[in-house]
Protein backbone atom coordinates (compact mmCIF):
# COMPACT_ATOMS: atom_id res chain seq x y z
CA MET A 1 7.36 -8.15 12.27
CA VAL A 2 8.86 -4.51 11.84
CA GLY A 3 12.05 -6.06 11.76
CA ALA A 4 11.39 -8.05 8.76
CA VAL A 5 9.65 -5.56 6.78
CA GLY A 6 12.53 -3.19 6.99
CA ARG A 7 15.50 -5.89 7.23
CA GLY A 8 18.89 -4.33 6.05
CA LYS A 9 17.40 -0.74 5.28
CA PRO A 10 18.49 2.18 7.15
CA GLU A 11 16.79 3.10 10.33
CA PHE A 12 15.21 6.22 8.93
CA PHE A 13 15.33 8.44 5.51
CA ARG A 14 17.29 11.43 6.14
CA CYS A 15 16.02 14.46 4.02
CA GLY A 16 17.17 17.74 4.97
CA LYS A 17 15.78 18.61 8.24
CA TYR A 18 13.28 15.39 8.56
CA GLU A 19 14.19 11.93 9.32
CA LEU A 20 11.52 9.58 8.71
CA PRO A 21 12.03 6.07 10.58
CA ILE A 22 11.86 3.21 8.30
CA GLY A 23 9.90 0.06 9.06
CA GLY A 24 7.07 1.25 11.28
CA LYS A 25 4.68 2.22 8.82
CA THR A 26 4.10 3.15 5.04
CA TYR A 27 4.71 6.79 4.20
CA ILE A 28 2.01 8.57 1.95
CA MET A 29 3.56 11.07 -1.04
CA GLY A 30 1.16 13.15 -2.20
CA ILE A 31 1.33 14.04 -6.05
CA LEU A 32 1.08 17.90 -6.54
CA ASN A 33 1.26 18.32 -10.40
CA VAL A 34 2.12 22.08 -11.24
CA THR A 35 1.84 21.66 -14.83
CA PRO A 36 -0.76 22.16 -17.92
CA ASP A 37 -0.31 18.89 -18.93
CA SER A 38 -0.53 16.31 -16.39
CA PHE A 39 -1.67 12.76 -17.44
CA SER A 40 -4.31 12.81 -14.46
CA ASP A 41 -5.23 16.40 -13.37
CA GLY A 42 -3.61 18.54 -16.13
CA GLY A 43 -4.14 22.15 -15.20
CA ARG A 44 -6.27 21.43 -11.80
CA TYR A 45 -3.15 23.00 -9.70
CA ASN A 46 -1.33 25.19 -12.33
CA ASN A 47 -1.56 28.33 -10.14
CA ILE A 48 0.15 28.83 -6.78
CA GLU A 49 -3.12 29.52 -4.75
CA ALA A 50 -4.83 26.14 -6.33
CA ALA A 51 -1.54 24.37 -5.62
CA VAL A 52 -1.26 25.61 -1.81
CA LYS A 53 -4.74 24.62 -1.08
CA ARG A 54 -4.42 21.22 -2.57
CA ALA A 55 -1.11 20.57 -0.99
CA GLU A 56 -2.89 21.45 2.60
CA GLU A 57 -5.65 19.39 1.72
CA MET A 58 -3.49 16.41 1.06
CA VAL A 59 -1.75 16.91 4.45
CA ALA A 60 -5.00 17.19 6.27
CA GLU A 61 -5.95 13.83 4.34
CA GLY A 62 -2.82 11.94 5.82
CA ALA A 63 -0.01 13.19 3.43
CA ASP A 64 3.67 12.63 4.86
CA ILE A 65 5.29 14.17 1.95
CA ILE A 66 4.32 16.35 -0.74
CA ASP A 67 6.01 15.59 -4.37
CA ILE A 68 5.76 18.94 -6.31
CA GLY A 69 6.61 18.37 -10.31
CA GLY A 70 6.55 21.11 -12.86
CA GLU A 71 7.23 19.03 -15.82
CA SER A 72 4.97 15.98 -17.20
CA THR A 73 6.71 12.56 -17.63
CA ARG A 74 3.47 10.97 -18.91
CA PRO A 75 4.29 8.83 -21.90
CA GLY A 76 5.13 10.98 -25.08
CA TYR A 77 5.93 14.41 -22.90
CA GLU A 78 7.78 17.01 -24.35
CA GLU A 79 10.72 18.51 -21.97
CA VAL A 80 10.24 21.81 -20.40
CA ASP A 81 12.51 24.51 -20.77
CA PRO A 82 14.50 24.77 -17.33
CA LEU A 83 13.28 28.35 -16.83
CA GLU A 84 9.52 27.72 -17.13
CA GLU A 85 9.82 24.58 -14.69
CA ILE A 86 11.44 26.64 -12.16
CA SER A 87 9.02 29.32 -12.59
CA ARG A 88 6.50 26.72 -12.30
CA VAL A 89 7.73 24.81 -9.00
CA VAL A 90 9.98 27.43 -7.17
CA PRO A 91 6.90 29.76 -5.64
CA VAL A 92 4.69 26.56 -4.69
CA VAL A 93 7.78 25.38 -2.79
CA GLU A 94 8.47 28.75 -1.02
CA ARG A 95 4.86 29.27 -0.17
CA LEU A 96 4.48 25.40 1.05
CA SER A 97 7.63 25.43 2.94
CA ALA A 98 6.74 28.51 5.19
CA LYS A 99 3.08 26.78 5.54
CA LEU A 100 3.41 23.08 6.07
CA ASP A 101 5.85 20.90 8.43
CA VAL A 102 6.09 18.05 6.16
CA PRO A 103 9.27 17.19 3.73
CA LEU A 104 8.66 18.63 0.33
CA SER A 105 10.11 16.56 -2.69
CA VAL A 106 10.59 18.12 -6.30
CA ASP A 107 9.97 15.78 -9.23
CA THR A 108 12.59 16.88 -11.68
CA MET A 109 15.33 15.37 -13.49
CA LYS A 110 17.49 18.61 -14.12
CA ALA A 111 20.04 19.78 -11.65
CA VAL A 112 19.31 23.41 -11.95
CA VAL A 113 15.75 23.10 -11.11
CA ALA A 114 16.58 20.81 -8.04
CA GLU A 115 18.89 23.37 -6.74
CA LYS A 116 16.50 26.48 -7.18
CA ALA A 117 13.56 24.26 -5.42
CA LEU A 118 16.16 23.16 -2.67
CA GLN A 119 17.26 26.66 -2.20
CA ALA A 120 13.56 27.76 -1.81
CA GLY A 121 13.02 25.03 0.87
CA ALA A 122 12.63 21.46 -0.49
CA HIS A 123 13.84 18.54 1.18
CA ILE A 124 13.93 15.54 -1.43
CA VAL A 125 14.85 15.51 -5.42
CA ASN A 126 12.78 12.70 -6.88
CA ASP A 127 14.53 12.00 -10.08
CA ILE A 128 13.10 9.81 -12.81
CA TRP A 129 16.50 9.00 -14.23
CA GLY A 130 18.19 7.75 -10.82
CA LEU A 131 21.31 10.57 -11.07
CA GLN A 132 21.95 9.16 -14.37
CA ARG A 133 20.48 11.89 -16.82
CA ASP A 134 21.88 15.13 -15.59
CA PRO A 135 25.53 14.69 -14.20
CA ALA A 136 25.34 17.48 -11.76
CA MET A 137 22.20 16.07 -10.05
CA ALA A 138 24.20 14.10 -7.71
CA GLU A 139 26.40 16.94 -6.64
CA VAL A 140 23.42 19.03 -5.88
CA VAL A 141 21.61 16.72 -3.78
CA PHE A 142 25.01 16.23 -1.61
CA LYS A 143 25.13 19.92 -1.33
CA TYR A 144 21.60 20.40 0.42
CA GLY A 145 22.11 17.40 2.34
CA ALA A 146 18.48 16.48 0.60
CA GLY A 147 17.18 12.84 0.27
CA VAL A 148 16.91 11.51 -3.10
CA ILE A 149 14.71 9.11 -4.89
CA LEU A 150 16.39 6.84 -7.21
CA MET A 151 13.98 5.71 -9.94
CA HIS A 152 14.75 3.14 -12.55
CA ASN A 153 14.14 4.42 -16.34
CA ARG A 154 15.44 3.30 -19.65
CA GLU A 155 14.44 4.74 -23.41
CA ASP A 156 13.38 1.26 -24.60
CA LYS A 157 11.36 -1.94 -23.08
CA MET A 158 14.27 -4.54 -24.35
CA TYR A 159 15.34 -6.44 -21.20
CA ARG A 160 17.42 -9.24 -21.06
CA ASP A 161 16.73 -9.89 -17.59
CA LEU A 162 13.76 -7.59 -16.14
CA MET A 163 14.41 -7.42 -12.21
CA GLY A 164 18.27 -7.94 -12.87
CA ASP A 165 18.51 -4.97 -15.12
CA ILE A 166 16.47 -2.90 -12.99
CA LEU A 167 18.63 -3.74 -9.96
CA LYS A 168 21.68 -3.26 -11.78
CA PHE A 169 20.62 0.03 -13.04
CA LEU A 170 19.61 1.11 -9.27
CA ARG A 171 22.90 -0.21 -7.79
CA ASP A 172 24.64 2.04 -10.45
CA SER A 173 22.42 5.09 -9.35
CA VAL A 174 23.29 3.97 -5.78
CA GLU A 175 26.77 4.14 -6.60
CA ILE A 176 26.84 7.61 -8.33
CA ALA A 177 25.10 9.06 -5.06
CA ARG A 178 27.99 7.40 -2.95
CA LYS A 179 30.54 8.88 -5.12
CA ALA A 180 29.19 12.28 -4.64
CA GLY A 181 29.03 11.88 -0.77
CA ILE A 182 25.42 11.04 -0.26
CA GLU A 183 24.95 8.42 2.55
CA ARG A 184 22.66 5.69 2.44
CA GLU A 185 20.15 7.36 4.78
CA ASN A 186 19.55 10.16 2.25
CA MET A 187 18.59 7.40 -0.56
CA ALA A 188 15.35 5.47 -1.59
CA VAL A 189 14.82 3.58 -4.63
CA ASP A 190 11.82 3.45 -7.11
CA PRO A 191 11.32 0.35 -9.59
CA GLY A 192 9.77 3.08 -12.06
CA ILE A 193 6.36 1.30 -12.73
CA GLY A 194 5.03 2.85 -16.09
CA PHE A 195 8.79 4.01 -17.20
CA GLY A 196 10.36 2.00 -20.20
CA LYS A 197 8.11 -1.06 -19.48
CA THR A 198 5.45 -3.03 -21.13
CA LEU A 199 2.24 -4.08 -19.08
CA GLU A 200 3.72 -7.32 -18.51
CA HIS A 201 6.91 -5.70 -17.35
CA ASN A 202 4.85 -3.74 -14.69
CA LEU A 203 3.12 -6.90 -13.74
CA GLU A 204 6.21 -8.90 -13.15
CA VAL A 205 7.74 -5.85 -11.03
CA MET A 206 4.70 -5.84 -8.80
CA ARG A 207 4.89 -9.74 -8.36
CA ARG A 208 8.75 -9.30 -7.54
CA LEU A 209 8.94 -6.24 -5.55
CA LYS A 210 10.64 -8.13 -2.67
CA ASP A 211 13.81 -8.57 -4.82
CA LEU A 212 14.41 -4.88 -4.17
CA GLU A 213 15.33 -5.78 -0.77
CA ASP A 214 18.85 -6.87 -2.41
CA LEU A 215 19.53 -2.94 -2.31
CA ASN A 216 18.89 -2.55 1.69
CA LEU A 217 17.38 1.18 0.98
CA PRO A 218 14.02 1.92 1.20
CA VAL A 219 11.70 1.61 -1.77
CA LEU A 220 8.88 4.06 -3.11
CA LEU A 221 6.10 2.51 -5.32
CA GLY A 222 4.46 4.97 -7.90
CA THR A 223 1.43 2.89 -9.43
CA SER A 224 -1.53 6.09 -8.80
CA ARG A 225 -3.76 6.25 -11.81
CA LYS A 226 -1.08 4.46 -14.35
CA SER A 227 -1.88 2.63 -17.53
CA LEU A 228 -0.82 -0.38 -15.80
CA ILE A 229 -4.05 -0.05 -14.16
CA GLY A 230 -5.82 1.56 -17.20
CA ASN A 231 -4.82 -1.69 -19.09
CA VAL A 232 -5.99 -4.24 -16.90
CA LEU A 233 -9.41 -2.84 -16.02
CA ASN A 234 -9.86 -0.98 -19.35
CA LEU A 235 -10.94 2.12 -17.45
CA PRO A 236 -9.93 6.06 -18.05
CA VAL A 237 -7.89 7.84 -15.59
CA SER A 238 -10.72 8.91 -13.67
CA GLU A 239 -11.83 5.53 -12.44
CA ARG A 240 -8.51 3.91 -11.37
CA LEU A 241 -8.90 4.32 -7.44
CA GLU A 242 -9.76 0.66 -6.83
CA GLY A 243 -6.89 -0.57 -9.13
CA THR A 244 -4.62 2.05 -7.45
CA ALA A 245 -5.63 0.72 -3.90
CA ALA A 246 -4.94 -2.86 -4.98
CA THR A 247 -1.39 -1.95 -6.02
CA VAL A 248 -0.79 0.31 -3.10
CA ALA A 249 -1.79 -2.54 -0.51
CA LEU A 250 0.23 -5.35 -2.53
CA GLY A 251 3.29 -3.25 -2.86
CA ILE A 252 3.16 -2.91 0.94
CA ALA A 253 3.19 -6.32 1.41
CA GLY A 254 5.99 -6.53 -0.98
CA GLY A 255 7.89 -4.24 1.17
CA VAL A 256 7.56 -1.02 0.10
CA ASP A 257 8.05 2.34 2.39
CA ILE A 258 6.47 5.25 0.47
CA VAL A 259 3.69 5.02 -2.06
CA ARG A 260 3.06 7.86 -4.46
CA VAL A 261 -0.22 8.82 -4.59
CA HIS A 262 -3.35 11.27 -6.25
CA ASP A 263 -6.03 9.90 -3.89
CA VAL A 264 -4.65 10.80 -0.79
CA LYS A 265 -7.55 10.23 2.01
CA GLU A 266 -8.53 6.83 0.50
CA MET A 267 -4.81 5.78 -0.14
CA ALA A 268 -4.01 6.47 3.53
CA ARG A 269 -6.56 4.34 4.92
CA VAL A 270 -5.46 1.41 2.43
CA ALA A 271 -1.89 2.00 3.92
CA LYS A 272 -3.06 1.96 7.25
CA MET A 273 -5.24 -1.35 7.31
CA THR A 274 -2.40 -3.03 5.13
CA ASP A 275 0.14 -1.91 7.66
CA ALA A 276 -1.66 -3.32 10.52
CA VAL A 277 -1.34 -6.85 8.79
CA VAL A 278 1.82 -6.65 7.35
CA ARG A 279 3.91 -4.63 9.94
CA GLY A 280 1.95 -5.98 13.13
């Protein structure tokens, strides 16, 4: 069954000194927002001690990767100055790289922020624009041997062919990475739930996750507490646990390899149960 799940994908996702085997389990990426304005937990971890404590908790709860973000990308967000973003992210990365033995991801679209974080000990760049916003990003990823998450995004919500357009964007991102020297083992893709998409678009992407198999790369899915769930269930951010669990289980059944979540303990259990059925 494992071979079917990971068909055509690299045997592992390489990120710095780590190699995560692909196909045998779903990896849990715990979200650590070190921002004052995150849509779901704004300000809770906006100091170094609180952020470090939360990261340690997430690893204890089953997180395989910690994703550190210093700029909220919720709908209507205002871009953060790179120096401010660095000041939020880098001290946390420095502390966590000395304390934890899991890959650290930095959630940024700015090459200067990514480079400072990688210098500080991060292993993955999670780029919501898939290397297509900052022309220096691919070179930075290659220089440090980092893993990279290539996410689909767009400014508008006008599609000719939803999954066809998403796949074309992601293929373009893969080609940018390849031309910079980044190897396939260092790449993963993300269909970008909630970014440049309506509710119906998001639901269609969820139904058609297996289309991403055409890229032959590990897939990350980020649905945790998002408006996709809020709009379907008519619930606030604080009450989207069950909806998130449903999307995580369906995502794993649809072939995803990494799930990016806030509620690590609960989603690690959902993933383990779903893996037992899907991966055998």
